[in-house]
Amino acid sequence: MDFIDEQGFRANVGIILTDGHGRVLIAGRAGRGGWQFPQGGIQPEESTEDALFRELREEVGLEPTDVEVVGSTEGWLRYRLPDRYIRRERRPLCIGQKQRWFLLHMQ
């Protein structure tokens, strides 16, 4: 279960992975169209960094020793979901996401 804060924002980490040659990894969404950077929710009691490395392992198959963290956003970047995507019957209510993005360089 992902962490949703008291304001209704789901905590999430995003990963921008580079190989040092000007290329970045973007991934296709399984079962859906579109492309995105690897990302995923933060579980309750999980640190942002723990979530980063869990998602890196789950979505890309890399371990912390395979990458160097180059930088990250200083705080949370928030966005609200369009009204049609808010699942009002679910609790806790999620109205959007707050994300911390990390730039990683493959070793």
PDB file of N, CA and C in Angstrom:
ATOM      1  N   MET A   1       0.847  -1.180   0.000  1.00  0.00           N
ATOM      2  CA  MET A   1       0.000   0.000   0.000  1.00  0.00           C
ATOM      3  C   MET A   1       0.895   1.247   0.000  1.00  0.00           C
ATOM      4  N   ASP A   2       0.607   2.177  -0.868  1.00  0.00           N
ATOM      5  CA  ASP A   2       1.391   3.402  -0.959  1.00  0.00           C
ATOM      6  C   ASP A   2       0.952   4.405   0.098  1.00  0.00           C
ATOM      7  N   PHE A   3       1.854   5.297   0.431  1.00  0.00           N
ATOM      8  CA  PHE A   3       1.572   6.328   1.419  1.00  0.00           C
ATOM      9  C   PHE A   3       0.843   7.492   0.766  1.00  0.00           C
ATOM     10  N   ILE A   4      -0.306   7.862   1.325  1.00  0.00           N
ATOM     11  CA  ILE A   4      -1.054   9.045   0.895  1.00  0.00           C
ATOM     12  C   ILE A   4      -1.096   9.976   2.091  1.00  0.00           C
ATOM     13  N   ASP A   5      -0.626  11.207   1.905  1.00  0.00           N
ATOM     14  CA  ASP A   5      -0.530  12.132   3.035  1.00  0.00           C
ATOM     15  C   ASP A   5      -1.898  12.707   3.411  1.00  0.00           C
ATOM     16  N   GLU A   6      -1.916  13.509   4.472  1.00  0.00           N
ATOM     17  CA  GLU A   6      -3.168  14.057   5.000  1.00  0.00           C
ATOM     18  C   GLU A   6      -3.847  15.020   4.031  1.00  0.00           C
ATOM     19  N   GLN A   7      -3.126  15.523   3.042  1.00  0.00           N
ATOM     20  CA  GLN A   7      -3.715  16.405   2.039  1.00  0.00           C
ATOM     21  C   GLN A   7      -4.233  15.642   0.821  1.00  0.00           C
ATOM     22  N   GLY A   8      -3.987  14.327   0.786  1.00  0.00           N
ATOM     23  CA  GLY A   8      -4.483  13.501  -0.309  1.00  0.00           C
ATOM     24  C   GLY A   8      -3.503  13.258  -1.438  1.00  0.00           C
ATOM     25  N   PHE A   9      -2.213  13.544  -1.207  1.00  0.00           N
ATOM     26  CA  PHE A   9      -1.210  13.327  -2.245  1.00  0.00           C
ATOM     27  C   PHE A   9      -0.455  12.023  -2.000  1.00  0.00           C
ATOM     28  N   ARG A  10      -0.376  11.194  -3.031  1.00  0.00           N
ATOM     29  CA  ARG A  10       0.350   9.928  -2.971  1.00  0.00           C
ATOM     30  C   ARG A  10       1.841  10.215  -3.154  1.00  0.00           C
ATOM     31  N   ALA A  11       2.649   9.752  -2.205  1.00  0.00           N
ATOM     32  CA  ALA A  11       4.097   9.950  -2.269  1.00  0.00           C
ATOM     33  C   ALA A  11       4.701   8.996  -3.297  1.00  0.00           C
ATOM     34  N   ASN A  12       5.601   9.521  -4.130  1.00  0.00           N
ATOM     35  CA  ASN A  12       6.115   8.788  -5.276  1.00  0.00           C
ATOM     36  C   ASN A  12       7.560   9.185  -5.532  1.00  0.00           C
ATOM     37  N   VAL A  13       8.368   8.251  -6.039  1.00  0.00           N
ATOM     38  CA  VAL A  13       9.713   8.572  -6.499  1.00  0.00           C
ATOM     39  C   VAL A  13       9.777   8.368  -8.005  1.00  0.00           C
ATOM     40  N   GLY A  14      10.548   9.222  -8.668  1.00  0.00           N
ATOM     41  CA  GLY A  14      10.780   9.099 -10.094  1.00  0.00           C
ATOM     42  C   GLY A  14      12.263   8.949 -10.346  1.00  0.00           C
ATOM     43  N   ILE A  15      12.615   8.191 -11.382  1.00  0.00           N
ATOM     44  CA  ILE A  15      14.009   7.868 -11.666  1.00  0.00           C
ATOM     45  C   ILE A  15      14.348   8.277 -13.089  1.00  0.00           C
ATOM     46  N   ILE A  16      15.362   9.119 -13.214  1.00  0.00           N
ATOM     47  CA  ILE A  16      15.929   9.430 -14.521  1.00  0.00           C
ATOM     48  C   ILE A  16      17.305   8.772 -14.526  1.00  0.00           C
ATOM     49  N   LEU A  17      17.461   7.768 -15.399  1.00  0.00           N
ATOM     50  CA  LEU A  17      18.678   6.964 -15.441  1.00  0.00           C
ATOM     51  C   LEU A  17      19.443   7.285 -16.713  1.00  0.00           C
ATOM     52  N   THR A  18      20.704   7.682 -16.571  1.00  0.00           N
ATOM     53  CA  THR A  18      21.538   8.024 -17.715  1.00  0.00           C
ATOM     54  C   THR A  18      22.746   7.091 -17.772  1.00  0.00           C
ATOM     55  N   ASP A  19      23.278   6.943 -18.969  1.00  0.00           N
ATOM     56  CA  ASP A  19      24.460   6.097 -19.137  1.00  0.00           C
ATOM     57  C   ASP A  19      25.742   6.921 -19.280  1.00  0.00           C
ATOM     58  N   GLY A  20      25.637   8.231 -19.187  1.00  0.00           N
ATOM     59  CA  GLY A  20      26.812   9.080 -19.309  1.00  0.00           C
ATOM     60  C   GLY A  20      27.173   9.454 -20.735  1.00  0.00           C
ATOM     61  N   HIS A  21      26.406   8.970 -21.697  1.00  0.00           N
ATOM     62  CA  HIS A  21      26.651   9.267 -23.106  1.00  0.00           C
ATOM     63  C   HIS A  21      25.492  10.051 -23.710  1.00  0.00           C
ATOM     64  N   GLY A  22      24.757  10.770 -22.874  1.00  0.00           N
ATOM     65  CA  GLY A  22      23.650  11.573 -23.345  1.00  0.00           C
ATOM     66  C   GLY A  22      22.350  10.811 -23.540  1.00  0.00           C
ATOM     67  N   ARG A  23      22.317   9.557 -23.137  1.00  0.00           N
ATOM     68  CA  ARG A  23      21.101   8.760 -23.292  1.00  0.00           C
ATOM     69  C   ARG A  23      20.442   8.570 -21.922  1.00  0.00           C
ATOM     70  N   VAL A  24      19.112   8.567 -21.943  1.00  0.00           N
ATOM     71  CA  VAL A  24      18.339   8.302 -20.732  1.00  0.00           C
ATOM     72  C   VAL A  24      17.380   7.150 -21.020  1.00  0.00           C
ATOM     73  N   LEU A  25      16.993   6.453 -19.959  1.00  0.00           N
ATOM     74  CA  LEU A  25      16.068   5.345 -20.096  1.00  0.00           C
ATOM     75  C   LEU A  25      14.638   5.843 -19.955  1.00  0.00           C
ATOM     76  N   ILE A  26      13.825   5.566 -20.960  1.00  0.00           N
ATOM     77  CA  ILE A  26      12.379   5.735 -20.833  1.00  0.00           C
ATOM     78  C   ILE A  26      11.777   4.368 -21.115  1.00  0.00           C
ATOM     79  N   ALA A  27      10.694   4.070 -20.448  1.00  0.00           N
ATOM     80  CA  ALA A  27      10.133   2.723 -20.517  1.00  0.00           C
ATOM     81  C   ALA A  27       8.690   2.771 -20.991  1.00  0.00           C
ATOM     82  N   GLY A  28       8.302   1.725 -21.701  1.00  0.00           N
ATOM     83  CA  GLY A  28       6.911   1.574 -22.092  1.00  0.00           C
ATOM     84  C   GLY A  28       6.102   1.071 -20.918  1.00  0.00           C
ATOM     85  N   ARG A  29       4.877   1.504 -20.849  1.00  0.00           N
ATOM     86  CA  ARG A  29       3.993   1.054 -19.766  1.00  0.00           C
ATOM     87  C   ARG A  29       3.432  -0.319 -20.106  1.00  0.00           C
ATOM     88  N   ALA A  30       3.587  -1.258 -19.195  1.00  0.00           N
ATOM     89  CA  ALA A  30       3.092  -2.620 -19.416  1.00  0.00           C
ATOM     90  C   ALA A  30       1.574  -2.607 -19.539  1.00  0.00           C
ATOM     91  N   GLY A  31       1.073  -3.175 -20.617  1.00  0.00           N
ATOM     92  CA  GLY A  31      -0.366  -3.290 -20.807  1.00  0.00           C
ATOM     93  C   GLY A  31      -1.060  -2.019 -21.234  1.00  0.00           C
ATOM     94  N   ARG A  32      -0.302  -0.951 -21.439  1.00  0.00           N
ATOM     95  CA  ARG A  32      -0.894   0.338 -21.841  1.00  0.00           C
ATOM     96  C   ARG A  32       0.026   1.011 -22.847  1.00  0.00           C
ATOM     97  N   GLY A  33      -0.504   1.995 -23.528  1.00  0.00           N
ATOM     98  CA  GLY A  33       0.324   2.780 -24.406  1.00  0.00           C
ATOM     99  C   GLY A  33       1.069   3.844 -23.620  1.00  0.00           C
ATOM    100  N   GLY A  34       2.041   4.435 -24.248  1.00  0.00           N
ATOM    101  CA  GLY A  34       2.748   5.550 -23.631  1.00  0.00           C
ATOM    102  C   GLY A  34       4.104   5.168 -23.077  1.00  0.00           C
ATOM    103  N   TRP A  35       4.847   6.194 -22.757  1.00  0.00           N
ATOM    104  CA  TRP A  35       6.212   6.071 -22.262  1.00  0.00           C
ATOM    105  C   TRP A  35       6.354   6.880 -20.992  1.00  0.00           C
ATOM    106  N   GLN A  36       7.235   6.448 -20.130  1.00  0.00           N
ATOM    107  CA  GLN A  36       7.499   7.215 -18.912  1.00  0.00           C
ATOM    108  C   GLN A  36       8.834   6.800 -18.323  1.00  0.00           C
ATOM    109  N   PHE A  37       9.326   7.643 -17.422  1.00  0.00           N
ATOM    110  CA  PHE A  37      10.486   7.268 -16.632  1.00  0.00           C
ATOM    111  C   PHE A  37      10.033   6.283 -15.563  1.00  0.00           C
ATOM    112  N   PRO A  38      10.923   5.379 -15.135  1.00  0.00           N
ATOM    113  CA  PRO A  38      10.557   4.490 -14.033  1.00  0.00           C
ATOM    114  C   PRO A  38      10.156   5.305 -12.799  1.00  0.00           C
ATOM    115  N   GLN A  39       9.120   4.861 -12.133  1.00  0.00           N
ATOM    116  CA  GLN A  39       8.651   5.559 -10.942  1.00  0.00           C
ATOM    117  C   GLN A  39       7.721   4.647 -10.163  1.00  0.00           C
ATOM    118  N   GLY A  40       7.447   5.024  -8.929  1.00  0.00           N
ATOM    119  CA  GLY A  40       6.527   4.227  -8.135  1.00  0.00           C
ATOM    120  C   GLY A  40       6.290   4.826  -6.771  1.00  0.00           C
ATOM    121  N   GLY A  41       5.270   4.310  -6.109  1.00  0.00           N
ATOM    122  CA  GLY A  41       4.854   4.828  -4.820  1.00  0.00           C
ATOM    123  C   GLY A  41       5.793   4.480  -3.679  1.00  0.00           C
ATOM    124  N   ILE A  42       5.746   5.320  -2.666  1.00  0.00           N
ATOM    125  CA  ILE A  42       6.500   5.105  -1.439  1.00  0.00           C
ATOM    126  C   ILE A  42       5.562   4.441  -0.442  1.00  0.00           C
ATOM    127  N   GLN A  43       6.017   3.363   0.159  1.00  0.00           N
ATOM    128  CA  GLN A  43       5.206   2.648   1.129  1.00  0.00           C
ATOM    129  C   GLN A  43       5.305   3.316   2.498  1.00  0.00           C
ATOM    130  N   PRO A  44       4.271   3.152   3.331  1.00  0.00           N
ATOM    131  CA  PRO A  44       4.333   3.727   4.686  1.00  0.00           C
ATOM    132  C   PRO A  44       5.592   3.241   5.408  1.00  0.00           C
ATOM    133  N   GLU A  45       6.228   4.131   6.137  1.00  0.00           N
ATOM    134  CA  GLU A  45       7.438   3.835   6.918  1.00  0.00           C
ATOM    135  C   GLU A  45       8.664   3.570   6.049  1.00  0.00           C
ATOM    136  N   GLU A  46       8.585   3.803   4.741  1.00  0.00           N
ATOM    137  CA  GLU A  46       9.721   3.613   3.850  1.00  0.00           C
ATOM    138  C   GLU A  46      10.336   4.977   3.567  1.00  0.00           C
ATOM    139  N   SER A  47      11.661   5.082   3.611  1.00  0.00           N
ATOM    140  CA  SER A  47      12.303   6.354   3.285  1.00  0.00           C
ATOM    141  C   SER A  47      12.258   6.570   1.772  1.00  0.00           C
ATOM    142  N   THR A  48      12.443   7.802   1.367  1.00  0.00           N
ATOM    143  CA  THR A  48      12.456   8.126  -0.060  1.00  0.00           C
ATOM    144  C   THR A  48      13.565   7.348  -0.770  1.00  0.00           C
ATOM    145  N   GLU A  49      14.745   7.294  -0.145  1.00  0.00           N
ATOM    146  CA  GLU A  49      15.872   6.589  -0.751  1.00  0.00           C
ATOM    147  C   GLU A  49      15.613   5.082  -0.819  1.00  0.00           C
ATOM    148  N   ASP A  50      14.995   4.516   0.215  1.00  0.00           N
ATOM    149  CA  ASP A  50      14.657   3.092   0.176  1.00  0.00           C
ATOM    150  C   ASP A  50      13.683   2.812  -0.966  1.00  0.00           C
ATOM    151  N   ALA A  51      12.705   3.685  -1.147  1.00  0.00           N
ATOM    152  CA  ALA A  51      11.745   3.523  -2.246  1.00  0.00           C
ATOM    153  C   ALA A  51      12.439   3.644  -3.596  1.00  0.00           C
ATOM    154  N   LEU A  52      13.368   4.583  -3.704  1.00  0.00           N
ATOM    155  CA  LEU A  52      14.126   4.753  -4.944  1.00  0.00           C
ATOM    156  C   LEU A  52      14.803   3.446  -5.334  1.00  0.00           C
ATOM    157  N   PHE A  53      15.527   2.840  -4.404  1.00  0.00           N
ATOM    158  CA  PHE A  53      16.282   1.624  -4.737  1.00  0.00           C
ATOM    159  C   PHE A  53      15.370   0.405  -4.898  1.00  0.00           C
ATOM    160  N   ARG A  54      14.246   0.354  -4.193  1.00  0.00           N
ATOM    161  CA  ARG A  54      13.287  -0.724  -4.405  1.00  0.00           C
ATOM    162  C   ARG A  54      12.706  -0.633  -5.811  1.00  0.00           C
ATOM    163  N   GLU A  55      12.281   0.571  -6.206  1.00  0.00           N
ATOM    164  CA  GLU A  55      11.721   0.757  -7.549  1.00  0.00           C
ATOM    165  C   GLU A  55      12.766   0.488  -8.632  1.00  0.00           C
ATOM    166  N   LEU A  56      14.004   0.902  -8.400  1.00  0.00           N
ATOM    167  CA  LEU A  56      15.080   0.640  -9.359  1.00  0.00           C
ATOM    168  C   LEU A  56      15.241  -0.860  -9.564  1.00  0.00           C
ATOM    169  N   ARG A  57      15.181  -1.620  -8.490  1.00  0.00           N
ATOM    170  CA  ARG A  57      15.304  -3.079  -8.552  1.00  0.00           C
ATOM    171  C   ARG A  57      14.082  -3.692  -9.239  1.00  0.00           C
ATOM    172  N   GLU A  58      12.882  -3.262  -8.822  1.00  0.00           N
ATOM    173  CA  GLU A  58      11.651  -3.848  -9.368  1.00  0.00           C
ATOM    174  C   GLU A  58      11.432  -3.521 -10.842  1.00  0.00           C
ATOM    175  N   GLU A  59      11.690  -2.293 -11.219  1.00  0.00           N
ATOM    176  CA  GLU A  59      11.331  -1.847 -12.565  1.00  0.00           C
ATOM    177  C   GLU A  59      12.464  -1.945 -13.577  1.00  0.00           C
ATOM    178  N   VAL A  60      13.711  -1.870 -13.110  1.00  0.00           N
ATOM    179  CA  VAL A  60      14.832  -1.850 -14.043  1.00  0.00           C
ATOM    180  C   VAL A  60      15.762  -3.045 -13.841  1.00  0.00           C
ATOM    181  N   GLY A  61      15.731  -3.642 -12.653  1.00  0.00           N
ATOM    182  CA  GLY A  61      16.585  -4.787 -12.383  1.00  0.00           C
ATOM    183  C   GLY A  61      17.987  -4.426 -11.936  1.00  0.00           C
ATOM    184  N   LEU A  62      18.195  -3.160 -11.550  1.00  0.00           N
ATOM    185  CA  LEU A  62      19.513  -2.721 -11.094  1.00  0.00           C
ATOM    186  C   LEU A  62      19.558  -2.623  -9.582  1.00  0.00           C
ATOM    187  N   GLU A  63      20.743  -2.815  -9.032  1.00  0.00           N
ATOM    188  CA  GLU A  63      20.988  -2.704  -7.604  1.00  0.00           C
ATOM    189  C   GLU A  63      21.634  -1.348  -7.294  1.00  0.00           C
ATOM    190  N   PRO A  64      21.615  -0.933  -6.032  1.00  0.00           N
ATOM    191  CA  PRO A  64      22.245   0.344  -5.668  1.00  0.00           C
ATOM    192  C   PRO A  64      23.711   0.437  -6.093  1.00  0.00           C
ATOM    193  N   THR A  65      24.423  -0.686  -6.095  1.00  0.00           N
ATOM    194  CA  THR A  65      25.838  -0.675  -6.490  1.00  0.00           C
ATOM    195  C   THR A  65      26.034  -0.475  -7.991  1.00  0.00           C
ATOM    196  N   ASP A  66      24.957  -0.587  -8.772  1.00  0.00           N
ATOM    197  CA  ASP A  66      25.033  -0.419 -10.226  1.00  0.00           C
ATOM    198  C   ASP A  66      24.944   1.039 -10.656  1.00  0.00           C
ATOM    199  N   VAL A  67      24.586   1.930  -9.717  1.00  0.00           N
ATOM    200  CA  VAL A  67      24.334   3.323 -10.075  1.00  0.00           C
ATOM    201  C   VAL A  67      24.997   4.275  -9.084  1.00  0.00           C
ATOM    202  N   GLU A  68      25.117   5.511  -9.525  1.00  0.00           N
ATOM    203  CA  GLU A  68      25.547   6.615  -8.663  1.00  0.00           C
ATOM    204  C   GLU A  68      24.416   7.640  -8.660  1.00  0.00           C
ATOM    205  N   VAL A  69      24.015   8.084  -7.478  1.00  0.00           N
ATOM    206  CA  VAL A  69      22.998   9.135  -7.391  1.00  0.00           C
ATOM    207  C   VAL A  69      23.697  10.465  -7.662  1.00  0.00           C
ATOM    208  N   VAL A  70      23.302  11.117  -8.752  1.00  0.00           N
ATOM    209  CA  VAL A  70      23.911  12.387  -9.154  1.00  0.00           C
ATOM    210  C   VAL A  70      23.219  13.554  -8.460  1.00  0.00           C
ATOM    211  N   GLY A  71      21.914  13.474  -8.308  1.00  0.00           N
ATOM    212  CA  GLY A  71      21.172  14.552  -7.675  1.00  0.00           C
ATOM    213  C   GLY A  71      19.706  14.206  -7.539  1.00  0.00           C
ATOM    214  N   SER A  72      18.977  15.114  -6.904  1.00  0.00           N
ATOM    215  CA  SER A  72      17.538  14.927  -6.736  1.00  0.00           C
ATOM    216  C   SER A  72      16.875  16.283  -6.564  1.00  0.00           C
ATOM    217  N   THR A  73      15.566  16.288  -6.731  1.00  0.00           N
ATOM    218  CA  THR A  73      14.830  17.509  -6.438  1.00  0.00           C
ATOM    219  C   THR A  73      14.959  17.775  -4.942  1.00  0.00           C
ATOM    220  N   GLU A  74      14.964  19.032  -4.567  1.00  0.00           N
ATOM    221  CA  GLU A  74      15.141  19.378  -3.155  1.00  0.00           C
ATOM    222  C   GLU A  74      13.914  19.057  -2.329  1.00  0.00           C
ATOM    223  N   GLY A  75      12.778  19.223  -2.895  1.00  0.00           N
ATOM    224  CA  GLY A  75      11.536  18.974  -2.175  1.00  0.00           C
ATOM    225  C   GLY A  75      10.578  18.199  -3.048  1.00  0.00           C
ATOM    226  N   TRP A  76       9.338  18.212  -2.631  1.00  0.00           N
ATOM    227  CA  TRP A  76       8.290  17.504  -3.361  1.00  0.00           C
ATOM    228  C   TRP A  76       7.763  18.353  -4.514  1.00  0.00           C
ATOM    229  N   LEU A  77       7.538  17.713  -5.641  1.00  0.00           N
ATOM    230  CA  LEU A  77       6.843  18.327  -6.772  1.00  0.00           C
ATOM    231  C   LEU A  77       5.440  17.730  -6.763  1.00  0.00           C
ATOM    232  N   ARG A  78       4.423  18.576  -6.716  1.00  0.00           N
ATOM    233  CA  ARG A  78       3.035  18.106  -6.581  1.00  0.00           C
ATOM    234  C   ARG A  78       2.233  18.391  -7.838  1.00  0.00           C
ATOM    235  N   TYR A  79       1.335  17.481  -8.117  1.00  0.00           N
ATOM    236  CA  TYR A  79       0.332  17.747  -9.147  1.00  0.00           C
ATOM    237  C   TYR A  79      -0.975  17.088  -8.748  1.00  0.00           C
ATOM    238  N   ARG A  80      -2.056  17.724  -9.173  1.00  0.00           N
ATOM    239  CA  ARG A  80      -3.403  17.202  -8.910  1.00  0.00           C
ATOM    240  C   ARG A  80      -3.858  16.382 -10.109  1.00  0.00           C
ATOM    241  N   LEU A  81      -4.567  15.318  -9.814  1.00  0.00           N
ATOM    242  CA  LEU A  81      -5.151  14.500 -10.872  1.00  0.00           C
ATOM    243  C   LEU A  81      -6.331  15.234 -11.499  1.00  0.00           C
ATOM    244  N   PRO A  82      -6.562  15.026 -12.797  1.00  0.00           N
ATOM    245  CA  PRO A  82      -7.801  15.543 -13.378  1.00  0.00           C
ATOM    246  C   PRO A  82      -8.985  14.920 -12.636  1.00  0.00           C
ATOM    247  N   ASP A  83     -10.036  15.665 -12.467  1.00  0.00           N
ATOM    248  CA  ASP A  83     -11.181  15.246 -11.675  1.00  0.00           C
ATOM    249  C   ASP A  83     -11.715  13.868 -12.073  1.00  0.00           C
ATOM    250  N   ARG A  84     -11.700  13.550 -13.351  1.00  0.00           N
ATOM    251  CA  ARG A  84     -12.255  12.269 -13.816  1.00  0.00           C
ATOM    252  C   ARG A  84     -11.435  11.063 -13.350  1.00  0.00           C
ATOM    253  N   TYR A  85     -10.192  11.285 -12.891  1.00  0.00           N
ATOM    254  CA  TYR A  85      -9.351  10.181 -12.432  1.00  0.00           C
ATOM    255  C   TYR A  85      -9.342  10.001 -10.919  1.00  0.00           C
ATOM    256  N   ILE A  86     -10.012  10.872 -10.206  1.00  0.00           N
ATOM    257  CA  ILE A  86     -10.057  10.747  -8.745  1.00  0.00           C
ATOM    258  C   ILE A  86     -11.091   9.680  -8.383  1.00  0.00           C
ATOM    259  N   ARG A  87     -10.648   8.675  -7.651  1.00  0.00           N
ATOM    260  CA  ARG A  87     -11.521   7.582  -7.220  1.00  0.00           C
ATOM    261  C   ARG A  87     -12.115   7.951  -5.867  1.00  0.00           C
ATOM    262  N   ARG A  88     -13.234   8.599  -5.904  1.00  0.00           N
ATOM    263  CA  ARG A  88     -13.827   9.164  -4.689  1.00  0.00           C
ATOM    264  C   ARG A  88     -14.314   8.112  -3.693  1.00  0.00           C
ATOM    265  N   GLU A  89     -14.507   6.885  -4.146  1.00  0.00           N
ATOM    266  CA  GLU A  89     -14.976   5.834  -3.244  1.00  0.00           C
ATOM    267  C   GLU A  89     -13.839   5.205  -2.436  1.00  0.00           C
ATOM    268  N   ARG A  90     -12.590   5.485  -2.776  1.00  0.00           N
ATOM    269  CA  ARG A  90     -11.448   4.883  -2.090  1.00  0.00           C
ATOM    270  C   ARG A  90     -11.003   5.716  -0.910  1.00  0.00           C
ATOM    271  N   ARG A  91     -10.510   5.031   0.103  1.00  0.00           N
ATOM    272  CA  ARG A  91      -9.980   5.693   1.294  1.00  0.00           C
ATOM    273  C   ARG A  91      -8.613   5.147   1.600  1.00  0.00           C
ATOM    274  N   PRO A  92      -7.634   5.968   1.878  1.00  0.00           N
ATOM    275  CA  PRO A  92      -7.763   7.422   1.891  1.00  0.00           C
ATOM    276  C   PRO A  92      -7.887   7.965   0.469  1.00  0.00           C
ATOM    277  N   LEU A  93      -8.571   9.092   0.358  1.00  0.00           N
ATOM    278  CA  LEU A  93      -8.782   9.732  -0.931  1.00  0.00           C
ATOM    279  C   LEU A  93      -7.461  10.263  -1.482  1.00  0.00           C
ATOM    280  N   CYS A  94      -7.173   9.933  -2.734  1.00  0.00           N
ATOM    281  CA  CYS A  94      -5.960  10.406  -3.407  1.00  0.00           C
ATOM    282  C   CYS A  94      -6.363  11.424  -4.462  1.00  0.00           C
ATOM    283  N   ILE A  95      -5.882  12.668  -4.319  1.00  0.00           N
ATOM    284  CA  ILE A  95      -6.224  13.721  -5.280  1.00  0.00           C
ATOM    285  C   ILE A  95      -5.079  14.051  -6.226  1.00  0.00           C
ATOM    286  N   GLY A  96      -3.910  13.445  -5.991  1.00  0.00           N
ATOM    287  CA  GLY A  96      -2.764  13.718  -6.835  1.00  0.00           C
ATOM    288  C   GLY A  96      -1.520  13.041  -6.298  1.00  0.00           C
ATOM    289  N   GLN A  97      -0.390  13.431  -6.851  1.00  0.00           N
ATOM    290  CA  GLN A  97       0.874  12.854  -6.422  1.00  0.00           C
ATOM    291  C   GLN A  97       1.838  13.951  -5.999  1.00  0.00           C
ATOM    292  N   LYS A  98       2.700  13.579  -5.061  1.00  0.00           N
ATOM    293  CA  LYS A  98       3.856  14.408  -4.746  1.00  0.00           C
ATOM    294  C   LYS A  98       5.066  13.529  -5.028  1.00  0.00           C
ATOM    295  N   GLN A  99       6.005  14.074  -5.792  1.00  0.00           N
ATOM    296  CA  GLN A  99       7.116  13.269  -6.274  1.00  0.00           C
ATOM    297  C   GLN A  99       8.459  13.884  -5.910  1.00  0.00           C
ATOM    298  N   ARG A 100       9.416  13.003  -5.659  1.00  0.00           N
ATOM    299  CA  ARG A 100      10.824  13.381  -5.586  1.00  0.00           C
ATOM    300  C   ARG A 100      11.493  12.652  -6.740  1.00  0.00           C
ATOM    301  N   TRP A 101      12.219  13.399  -7.541  1.00  0.00           N
ATOM    302  CA  TRP A 101      12.899  12.843  -8.706  1.00  0.00           C
ATOM    303  C   TRP A 101      14.383  12.713  -8.427  1.00  0.00           C
ATOM    304  N   PHE A 102      14.962  11.612  -8.924  1.00  0.00           N
ATOM    305  CA  PHE A 102      16.379  11.323  -8.750  1.00  0.00           C
ATOM    306  C   PHE A 102      17.037  11.129 -10.101  1.00  0.00           C
ATOM    307  N   LEU A 103      18.235  11.708 -10.255  1.00  0.00           N
ATOM    308  CA  LEU A 103      19.050  11.503 -11.438  1.00  0.00           C
ATOM    309  C   LEU A 103      20.132  10.511 -11.061  1.00  0.00           C
ATOM    310  N   LEU A 104      20.170   9.382 -11.792  1.00  0.00           N
ATOM    311  CA  LEU A 104      21.140   8.325 -11.533  1.00  0.00           C
ATOM    312  C   LEU A 104      22.020   8.124 -12.747  1.00  0.00           C
ATOM    313  N   HIS A 105      23.267   7.813 -12.493  1.00  0.00           N
ATOM    314  CA  HIS A 105      24.230   7.485 -13.559  1.00  0.00           C
ATOM    315  C   HIS A 105      24.629   6.026 -13.395  1.00  0.00           C
ATOM    316  N   MET A 106      24.509   5.262 -14.475  1.00  0.00           N
ATOM    317  CA  MET A 106      24.929   3.854 -14.406  1.00  0.00           C
ATOM    318  C   MET A 106      26.429   3.781 -14.268  1.00  0.00           C
ATOM    319  N   GLN A 107      26.888   2.909 -13.380  1.00  0.00           N
ATOM    320  CA  GLN A 107      28.337   2.714 -13.146  1.00  0.00           C
ATOM    321  C   GLN A 107      28.969   1.953 -14.281  1.00  0.00           C
TER     322      GLN A 107
END
